[in-house]
Amino acid sequence: MALSEAQLKKLLGKYKYRDLSVREILNVTVPLYRDLKPIMDSYVFNDGSSRELLSLSGTIPVPYKGNTYNIPICLWLLDTYPFNPPICFVKPTSTMTIKTGKHVDANGKIYLPYLHEWKHPPSDLLGLIQILIVVFGEEPPVFSRSTAPAPYPMYPATGPPNSSYMPGVIPPYPPAAHPANPSGYGGFPGYPPAGQYPQTSGPQIFPQPPAAQPPVTSSGPARDGTIGEDTIRASLISAVSDKLRWRMKEEMDRAQAELNALKRTEEDLKKGHQKLEEMVTRLEQEVTEVDKNIETLRKKDEELGVVVEKMESQSEYRDIDEVIVPTAPLYKQILNLYAEENAIEDTIFYLGEALRRGVIDLDVFLKHVRLLSRKQFQLRALMQKARKTAGLSDLY
C-alpha cells in the first residue's frame, strides 16, 4: 500500500527540503512506478557513520530483446535531496547475480553521468528512473544464476560459493568519482551493510556476508558465474577513467573560463589604451594651442608696456582735454554738450547738499537751481538735435 502525503512528510521530518522530496516521490510512485516503496532505514557511509535515510526499493520495468523484465533497484535519498543525487544500487534477488559493467560495479552500485551532473531542478527522480530503464535495456545489470545456491545464511564459515560479494575481494569504489557532497557525509558512495536493503514482493535479497571470509584468488570469471579479479580490476579502471575524465573536464572548463576572463580583460585594456592615446593626442594639441596663446599674450604685453612708457613720459606736458579727440566736429559738439550737462547735474546735487546742511539759504538755492535747470534744458535739447543729425539714437 502506497504511503500518503502526510505519512511521507512524517517520515521525512528531518529532511531539509521535505516538501520538494515528497512531491517528487509521489509523482514517481503513485502514477508510474507503484512497485517502488518508500522505506525509512539506516544507511552506513564509507567513513562508518550512519544516518536514517529514505529509500525507494522495488522493481522497474526494463524492455530487453522484445521482453519486459522487472529489475530490482534501491534508491537512497540523502537528507539534502533534491540538491544532491540519490545513491543508487541494483538489488538482486536470490536467483540473480550482478552483471558488472561500465554503469554497475560488483557491489551493485550504479554510476551514471546523470548522477555525476545532477543539478536540481532539471534533474529529478522521474528522469533518473527513465535513464535507468534505457541503460539497463542496453546492458542488463543482473542475470539468472546457472545453479540454485543454498539459501542464505546457510553458507559454511569458509564463505558462499559466489565469492564476488565478499568485501575482502571487492575494494570500495573510489568515492571521488562522485561530485563533492555538501551535506558533510564525506564521500557517500558506499553500499549498505547486511539487512540494509528492505524486502520487496520478490525473493530474498543478498545479505552482506561476514568480513572474515577468505578472498578468491581467481584471475578471471569462473564457470559458476563468479566475478574474478580481472573483472574487478576492469571495473576499477573504468571508475578511475571516469574520475579522470570528470576532473579533466572540470580543469578544461575552469581554464576556458579563465581564458574568457583574460580575453575580456585584454579587450578592456585595449579600449583603455586607445582612450589614453586619444587623451594624450588631445592634450598635446591643447598644449600647442596654449603655447601659441602665451606667445601672443607676451607680444601684446610688450606692446602695451611700450605704449604705457610712452604715455607716462608725455603725460606731464599733455592737456587732459586734448587726450580725447573726436573724429568729427559734430561728435566733438555732442561730447562737450554731454560733459556740460553732467556738470550742471552735479552742481544741482551739491547745491541740494549745501541747502540740507544749512550752508546756503532756500532763496539762494532756488535762484541758482532755476538758472541751472534752464541751462540744462537748453543743453539737452541741443544735444538731442545734434545726435539726431549724427544718426545716433535718442538719449532721453
Protein backbone atom coordinates (compact mmCIF):
# COMPACT_ATOMS: atom_id res chain seq x y z
CA MET A 1 0.00 0.00 0.00
CA ALA A 2 1.44 3.34 -1.03
CA LEU A 3 2.12 5.90 1.66
CA SER A 4 0.04 9.05 1.73
CA GLU A 5 1.48 12.54 1.52
CA ALA A 6 1.03 13.06 5.27
CA GLN A 7 2.84 9.80 6.05
CA LEU A 8 5.72 10.73 3.74
CA LYS A 9 6.03 14.16 5.35
CA LYS A 10 6.19 12.47 8.74
CA LEU A 11 8.93 10.09 7.55
CA LEU A 12 10.90 12.96 6.01
CA GLY A 13 10.54 15.23 9.01
CA LYS A 14 14.34 15.75 9.29
CA TYR A 15 14.89 16.38 5.57
CA LYS A 16 15.93 19.92 4.69
CA TYR A 17 13.73 20.06 1.58
CA ARG A 18 10.89 17.83 2.71
CA ASP A 19 8.12 19.24 0.53
CA LEU A 20 10.21 19.00 -2.67
CA SER A 21 11.19 15.42 -1.85
CA VAL A 22 7.61 14.37 -1.04
CA ARG A 23 6.33 15.90 -4.28
CA GLU A 24 8.90 14.03 -6.40
CA ILE A 25 8.31 10.71 -4.61
CA LEU A 26 4.55 10.93 -5.11
CA ASN A 27 4.97 11.91 -8.77
CA VAL A 28 7.04 8.76 -9.34
CA THR A 29 5.49 6.10 -7.10
CA VAL A 30 1.77 6.86 -7.40
CA PRO A 31 1.05 7.19 -11.14
CA LEU A 32 4.01 5.40 -12.76
CA TYR A 33 6.12 3.01 -10.65
CA ARG A 34 3.88 1.67 -7.90
CA ASP A 35 6.31 -1.15 -7.07
CA LEU A 36 8.83 1.37 -5.66
CA LYS A 37 8.08 1.55 -1.94
CA PRO A 38 9.42 4.34 0.32
CA ILE A 39 11.08 2.84 3.42
CA MET A 40 12.97 4.58 6.22
CA ASP A 41 16.16 2.71 7.15
CA SER A 42 19.72 3.24 8.38
CA TYR A 43 22.39 3.86 5.74
CA VAL A 44 26.09 3.37 6.56
CA PHE A 45 28.58 5.60 4.75
CA ASN A 46 32.17 4.76 3.82
CA ASP A 47 33.54 6.56 6.88
CA GLY A 48 31.47 4.35 9.19
CA SER A 49 28.87 6.99 10.03
CA SER A 50 25.22 6.11 9.64
CA ARG A 51 22.05 8.10 9.16
CA GLU A 52 18.36 7.40 8.86
CA LEU A 53 17.51 7.90 5.20
CA LEU A 54 14.55 7.17 2.97
CA SER A 55 14.97 4.56 0.24
CA LEU A 56 12.77 3.72 -2.73
CA SER A 57 13.05 -0.05 -3.05
CA GLY A 58 11.33 -2.18 -5.65
CA THR A 59 11.45 -3.04 -9.35
CA ILE A 60 11.30 -1.05 -12.56
CA PRO A 61 10.16 -2.48 -15.91
CA VAL A 62 13.02 -2.79 -18.40
CA PRO A 63 12.43 -3.86 -22.03
CA TYR A 64 15.14 -6.19 -23.34
CA LYS A 65 15.07 -8.06 -26.67
CA GLY A 66 11.31 -7.88 -27.01
CA ASN A 67 10.52 -8.85 -23.41
CA THR A 68 9.98 -6.77 -20.28
CA TYR A 69 11.90 -7.66 -17.12
CA ASN A 70 11.46 -6.31 -13.62
CA ILE A 71 14.88 -5.14 -12.41
CA PRO A 72 15.18 -4.71 -8.62
CA ILE A 73 16.76 -1.41 -7.53
CA CYS A 74 17.13 0.67 -4.38
CA LEU A 75 17.42 4.47 -4.47
CA TRP A 76 18.66 6.14 -1.27
CA LEU A 77 17.70 9.80 -0.87
CA LEU A 78 20.03 11.96 1.21
CA ASP A 79 18.52 14.47 3.63
CA THR A 80 19.71 17.22 1.27
CA TYR A 81 17.74 15.78 -1.68
CA PRO A 82 16.88 17.02 -4.33
CA PHE A 83 20.02 19.19 -4.32
CA ASN A 84 22.21 16.08 -4.00
CA PRO A 85 21.81 12.99 -6.21
CA PRO A 86 20.38 9.72 -4.87
CA ILE A 87 22.70 6.80 -4.06
CA CYS A 88 21.57 4.03 -6.41
CA PHE A 89 22.03 0.26 -6.18
CA VAL A 90 20.91 -2.79 -8.10
CA LYS A 91 19.32 -5.13 -5.53
CA PRO A 92 19.48 -8.68 -6.91
CA THR A 93 17.24 -11.42 -5.57
CA SER A 94 18.48 -14.85 -4.51
CA THR A 95 18.08 -16.10 -8.09
CA MET A 96 20.06 -13.26 -9.64
CA THR A 97 23.72 -12.35 -10.00
CA ILE A 98 25.04 -8.85 -10.60
CA LYS A 99 26.49 -8.31 -14.04
CA THR A 100 29.25 -5.74 -13.73
CA GLY A 101 29.71 -3.16 -16.46
CA LYS A 102 30.51 0.47 -17.06
CA HIS A 103 27.42 1.53 -15.10
CA VAL A 104 27.25 -1.12 -12.33
CA ASP A 105 30.09 -2.40 -10.13
CA ALA A 106 30.35 -5.73 -8.33
CA ASN A 107 28.57 -4.35 -5.26
CA GLY A 108 25.57 -3.27 -7.29
CA LYS A 109 26.45 0.43 -7.06
CA ILE A 110 25.11 2.35 -10.07
CA TYR A 111 27.21 5.03 -11.78
CA LEU A 112 25.66 7.34 -14.38
CA PRO A 113 26.66 10.66 -15.95
CA TYR A 114 23.17 11.82 -14.95
CA LEU A 115 24.16 11.35 -11.30
CA HIS A 116 27.58 12.98 -11.79
CA GLU A 117 25.98 16.05 -13.39
CA TRP A 118 22.97 16.15 -11.06
CA LYS A 119 21.53 19.64 -10.78
CA HIS A 120 18.10 20.48 -9.42
CA PRO A 121 15.52 21.28 -10.80
CA PRO A 122 16.38 19.79 -14.24
CA SER A 123 17.44 16.53 -12.54
CA ASP A 124 14.76 14.57 -10.70
CA LEU A 125 13.68 11.03 -9.77
CA LEU A 126 11.50 10.55 -12.83
CA GLY A 127 14.33 11.43 -15.21
CA LEU A 128 16.73 9.18 -13.27
CA ILE A 129 14.40 6.16 -13.46
CA GLN A 130 13.78 6.69 -17.17
CA ILE A 131 17.54 6.81 -17.79
CA LEU A 132 17.99 3.63 -15.71
CA ILE A 133 15.40 1.88 -17.87
CA VAL A 134 17.21 2.92 -21.07
CA VAL A 135 20.67 1.99 -19.73
CA PHE A 136 19.53 -1.37 -18.31
CA GLY A 137 17.73 -2.11 -21.59
CA GLU A 138 21.07 -1.82 -23.40
CA GLU A 139 23.15 -3.55 -20.74
CA PRO A 140 21.21 -5.61 -18.16
CA PRO A 141 22.68 -5.27 -14.64
CA VAL A 142 21.70 -8.79 -13.47
CA PHE A 143 21.38 -12.28 -14.88
CA SER A 144 19.94 -15.54 -13.61
CA ARG A 145 22.13 -17.94 -11.68
CA SER A 146 23.14 -21.10 -13.53
CA THR A 147 22.74 -23.22 -10.40
CA ALA A 148 20.50 -22.74 -7.42
CA PRO A 149 22.67 -21.78 -4.43
CA ALA A 150 21.94 -22.78 -0.87
CA PRO A 151 19.61 -20.38 0.94
CA TYR A 152 21.20 -17.51 2.91
CA PRO A 153 22.61 -17.50 5.58
CA MET A 154 23.30 -21.29 5.34
CA TYR A 155 26.84 -20.97 3.94
CA PRO A 156 29.62 -22.62 5.93
CA ALA A 157 32.21 -20.49 7.67
CA THR A 158 34.52 -20.72 4.68
CA GLY A 159 32.16 -18.50 2.67
CA PRO A 160 29.46 -18.85 -0.01
CA PRO A 161 30.18 -20.32 -3.44
CA ASN A 162 29.74 -16.96 -5.14
CA SER A 163 32.55 -15.02 -3.56
CA SER A 164 32.04 -11.99 -5.77
CA TYR A 165 30.15 -10.28 -2.92
CA MET A 166 32.98 -10.62 -0.40
CA PRO A 167 34.19 -7.31 1.00
CA GLY A 168 37.68 -8.78 1.16
CA VAL A 169 37.74 -9.24 -2.60
CA ILE A 170 35.97 -6.10 -3.81
CA PRO A 171 37.61 -2.87 -2.71
CA PRO A 172 35.26 0.10 -2.30
CA TYR A 173 34.53 2.13 -5.41
CA PRO A 174 36.62 5.32 -5.36
CA PRO A 175 34.49 7.89 -3.51
CA ALA A 176 35.94 10.76 -5.53
CA ALA A 177 34.14 9.52 -8.64
CA HIS A 178 31.06 11.36 -7.37
CA PRO A 179 30.81 15.11 -7.02
CA ALA A 180 31.57 16.55 -3.62
CA ASN A 181 28.67 16.15 -1.19
CA PRO A 182 27.94 19.42 0.59
CA SER A 183 25.93 17.64 3.29
CA GLY A 184 29.12 16.63 5.09
CA TYR A 185 28.88 12.84 4.66
CA GLY A 186 32.43 12.58 3.37
CA GLY A 187 32.30 10.64 0.13
CA PHE A 188 28.94 8.90 0.25
CA PRO A 189 29.31 6.21 -2.47
CA GLY A 190 29.37 3.28 -0.07
CA TYR A 191 26.95 0.37 -0.01
CA PRO A 192 24.71 -0.62 2.87
CA PRO A 193 25.67 -3.49 5.20
CA ALA A 194 23.71 -6.66 5.71
CA GLY A 195 20.00 -6.17 6.14
CA GLN A 196 20.11 -2.58 4.91
CA TYR A 197 18.01 -3.21 1.79
CA PRO A 198 14.35 -3.73 2.67
CA GLN A 199 12.43 -6.63 1.19
CA THR A 200 10.05 -6.44 -1.74
CA SER A 201 7.47 -8.82 -3.04
CA GLY A 202 10.24 -10.81 -4.80
CA PRO A 203 12.63 -13.37 -3.36
CA GLN A 204 15.07 -12.66 -0.52
CA ILE A 205 17.88 -10.21 -1.43
CA PHE A 206 21.58 -10.79 -0.88
CA PRO A 207 22.75 -10.01 2.68
CA GLN A 208 26.32 -8.92 3.20
CA PRO A 209 28.49 -11.94 4.12
CA PRO A 210 30.86 -11.81 7.09
CA ALA A 211 34.07 -9.90 6.57
CA ALA A 212 36.16 -12.83 7.81
CA GLN A 213 35.52 -14.91 4.70
CA PRO A 214 38.61 -15.70 2.63
CA PRO A 215 39.20 -13.88 -0.65
CA VAL A 216 39.01 -15.52 -4.04
CA THR A 217 42.27 -15.65 -5.94
CA SER A 218 40.93 -16.49 -9.36
CA SER A 219 42.30 -14.29 -12.14
CA GLY A 220 39.11 -14.23 -14.21
CA PRO A 221 35.42 -15.19 -14.16
CA ALA A 222 34.82 -18.79 -13.15
CA ARG A 223 32.42 -21.12 -14.83
CA ASP A 224 29.89 -20.83 -11.97
CA GLY A 225 29.33 -17.12 -12.74
CA THR A 226 31.54 -15.59 -10.04
CA ILE A 227 33.36 -12.30 -10.65
CA GLY A 228 37.13 -12.58 -10.89
CA GLU A 229 39.90 -10.13 -10.11
CA ASP A 230 40.28 -9.12 -13.77
CA THR A 231 36.66 -8.02 -13.90
CA ILE A 232 37.06 -6.14 -10.65
CA ARG A 233 40.24 -4.53 -11.95
CA ALA A 234 38.47 -3.52 -15.16
CA SER A 235 35.64 -2.02 -13.10
CA LEU A 236 38.12 -0.03 -11.02
CA ILE A 237 39.98 1.11 -14.13
CA SER A 238 36.68 2.26 -15.62
CA ALA A 239 35.87 4.14 -12.42
CA VAL A 240 39.28 5.80 -12.35
CA SER A 241 38.93 6.70 -16.04
CA ASP A 242 35.55 8.28 -15.35
CA LYS A 243 37.07 10.18 -12.45
CA LEU A 244 39.98 11.41 -14.56
CA ARG A 245 37.65 12.42 -17.40
CA TRP A 246 35.45 14.29 -14.95
CA ARG A 247 38.40 16.11 -13.41
CA MET A 248 39.86 16.86 -16.82
CA LYS A 249 36.51 18.32 -17.89
CA GLU A 250 36.45 20.45 -14.73
CA GLU A 251 40.00 21.66 -15.36
CA MET A 252 39.23 22.43 -19.00
CA ASP A 253 36.06 24.30 -18.04
CA ARG A 254 37.94 26.29 -15.42
CA ALA A 255 40.78 27.02 -17.84
CA GLN A 256 38.28 28.09 -20.50
CA ALA A 257 36.54 30.37 -18.01
CA GLU A 258 39.88 31.91 -17.04
CA LEU A 259 40.77 32.32 -20.72
CA ASN A 260 37.46 34.07 -21.39
CA ALA A 261 38.05 36.36 -18.43
CA LEU A 262 41.55 37.16 -19.69
CA LYS A 263 40.18 37.90 -23.16
CA ARG A 264 37.62 40.29 -21.71
CA THR A 265 40.36 41.93 -19.65
CA GLU A 266 42.54 42.23 -22.77
CA GLU A 267 39.68 43.88 -24.68
CA ASP A 268 39.10 46.31 -21.81
CA LEU A 269 42.81 47.13 -21.70
CA LYS A 270 42.90 47.73 -25.46
CA LYS A 271 39.92 50.07 -25.22
CA GLY A 272 41.54 51.87 -22.29
CA HIS A 273 44.82 52.15 -24.21
CA GLN A 274 43.01 53.65 -27.19
CA LYS A 275 41.22 56.16 -24.95
CA LEU A 276 44.52 57.10 -23.30
CA GLU A 277 46.15 57.67 -26.69
CA GLU A 278 43.25 59.90 -27.73
CA MET A 279 43.54 61.85 -24.47
CA VAL A 280 47.31 62.26 -24.93
CA THR A 281 46.84 63.50 -28.51
CA ARG A 282 44.16 65.96 -27.41
CA LEU A 283 46.33 67.21 -24.55
CA GLU A 284 49.29 67.70 -26.89
CA GLN A 285 47.11 69.78 -29.22
CA GLU A 286 45.84 71.84 -26.29
CA VAL A 287 49.41 72.37 -25.05
CA THR A 288 50.45 73.59 -28.52
CA GLU A 289 47.47 75.96 -28.63
CA VAL A 290 48.23 77.26 -25.13
CA ASP A 291 51.87 77.87 -26.11
CA LYS A 292 50.71 79.90 -29.10
CA ASN A 293 48.35 81.95 -26.92
CA ILE A 294 51.12 82.54 -24.38
CA GLU A 295 53.44 83.80 -27.12
CA THR A 296 50.72 86.11 -28.47
CA LEU A 297 49.99 87.47 -24.98
CA ARG A 298 53.69 88.02 -24.38
CA LYS A 299 53.97 90.09 -27.56
CA LYS A 300 50.86 92.12 -26.68
CA ASP A 301 52.21 92.67 -23.19
CA GLU A 302 55.45 94.03 -24.66
CA GLU A 303 53.49 96.35 -26.97
CA LEU A 304 51.36 97.60 -24.08
CA GLY A 305 54.47 98.18 -21.99
CA VAL A 306 55.97 100.34 -24.74
CA VAL A 307 52.74 102.35 -25.08
CA VAL A 308 52.43 102.84 -21.32
CA GLU A 309 56.00 104.07 -21.07
CA LYS A 310 55.41 106.49 -23.93
CA MET A 311 52.22 107.84 -22.38
CA GLU A 312 53.83 108.19 -18.96
CA SER A 313 56.67 110.20 -20.48
CA GLN A 314 54.21 112.54 -22.27
CA SER A 315 51.58 112.87 -19.53
CA GLU A 316 53.33 115.76 -17.77
CA TYR A 317 53.02 118.08 -20.78
CA ARG A 318 49.66 116.93 -22.25
CA ASP A 319 46.35 118.69 -21.53
CA ILE A 320 43.68 116.24 -20.44
CA ASP A 321 41.19 117.78 -22.85
CA GLU A 322 43.49 117.10 -25.74
CA VAL A 323 43.77 113.41 -24.98
CA ILE A 324 40.35 112.61 -26.43
CA VAL A 325 39.90 113.97 -29.93
CA PRO A 326 36.62 113.08 -31.72
CA THR A 327 36.75 112.17 -35.38
CA ALA A 328 34.32 114.93 -36.50
CA PRO A 329 33.31 118.44 -35.26
CA LEU A 330 29.70 117.26 -34.70
CA TYR A 331 30.89 114.47 -32.40
CA LYS A 332 33.07 116.99 -30.54
CA GLN A 333 29.99 119.23 -30.04
CA ILE A 334 27.98 116.26 -28.71
CA LEU A 335 30.81 115.37 -26.30
CA ASN A 336 31.07 118.93 -24.97
CA LEU A 337 27.29 119.24 -24.56
CA TYR A 338 27.16 115.93 -22.70
CA ALA A 339 30.02 116.93 -20.39
CA GLU A 340 28.46 120.34 -19.64
CA GLU A 341 25.02 118.83 -18.99
CA ASN A 342 26.52 116.33 -16.49
CA ALA A 343 28.44 119.16 -14.82
CA ILE A 344 25.14 121.04 -14.28
CA GLU A 345 23.62 117.84 -12.86
CA ASP A 346 26.46 117.58 -10.35
CA THR A 347 26.15 121.27 -9.45
CA ILE A 348 22.44 120.92 -8.66
CA PHE A 349 23.23 117.90 -6.50
CA TYR A 350 25.82 119.73 -4.43
CA LEU A 351 23.53 122.78 -4.09
CA GLY A 352 20.97 120.43 -2.56
CA GLU A 353 23.59 119.10 -0.15
CA ALA A 354 24.56 122.66 0.80
CA LEU A 355 20.91 123.54 1.48
CA ARG A 356 20.46 120.43 3.61
CA ARG A 357 23.49 121.29 5.70
CA GLY A 358 22.43 124.94 6.07
CA VAL A 359 25.30 126.38 4.12
CA ILE A 360 23.01 128.39 1.81
CA ASP A 361 19.51 129.73 2.17
CA LEU A 362 16.48 128.49 0.34
CA ASP A 363 16.18 131.63 -1.75
CA VAL A 364 19.74 131.29 -3.00
CA PHE A 365 19.18 127.60 -3.69
CA LEU A 366 16.01 128.23 -5.69
CA LYS A 367 17.58 131.06 -7.69
CA HIS A 368 20.61 129.04 -8.79
CA VAL A 369 18.64 125.87 -9.40
CA ARG A 370 16.22 127.78 -11.65
CA LEU A 371 19.08 129.19 -13.72
CA LEU A 372 20.93 125.86 -13.92
CA SER A 373 17.78 123.94 -14.86
CA ARG A 374 17.03 126.35 -17.71
CA LYS A 375 20.61 125.97 -18.94
CA GLN A 376 20.40 122.15 -18.62
CA PHE A 377 17.18 122.08 -20.63
CA GLN A 378 18.77 124.05 -23.46
CA LEU A 379 21.85 121.78 -23.46
CA ARG A 380 19.70 118.63 -23.64
CA ALA A 381 17.59 120.00 -26.47
CA LEU A 382 20.69 120.97 -28.44
CA MET A 383 22.35 117.58 -27.75
CA GLN A 384 19.24 115.72 -28.93
CA LYS A 385 19.26 117.72 -32.15
CA ALA A 386 22.99 117.06 -32.70
CA ARG A 387 22.59 113.31 -32.03
CA LYS A 388 19.72 113.17 -34.49
CA THR A 389 21.85 114.92 -37.10
CA ALA A 390 24.71 112.44 -36.46
CA GLY A 391 22.32 109.50 -36.87
CA LEU A 392 22.56 108.43 -33.22
CA SER A 393 19.68 107.17 -31.06
CA ASP A 394 17.81 109.46 -28.67
CA LEU A 395 19.41 109.67 -25.22
CA TYR A 396 16.36 110.88 -23.28
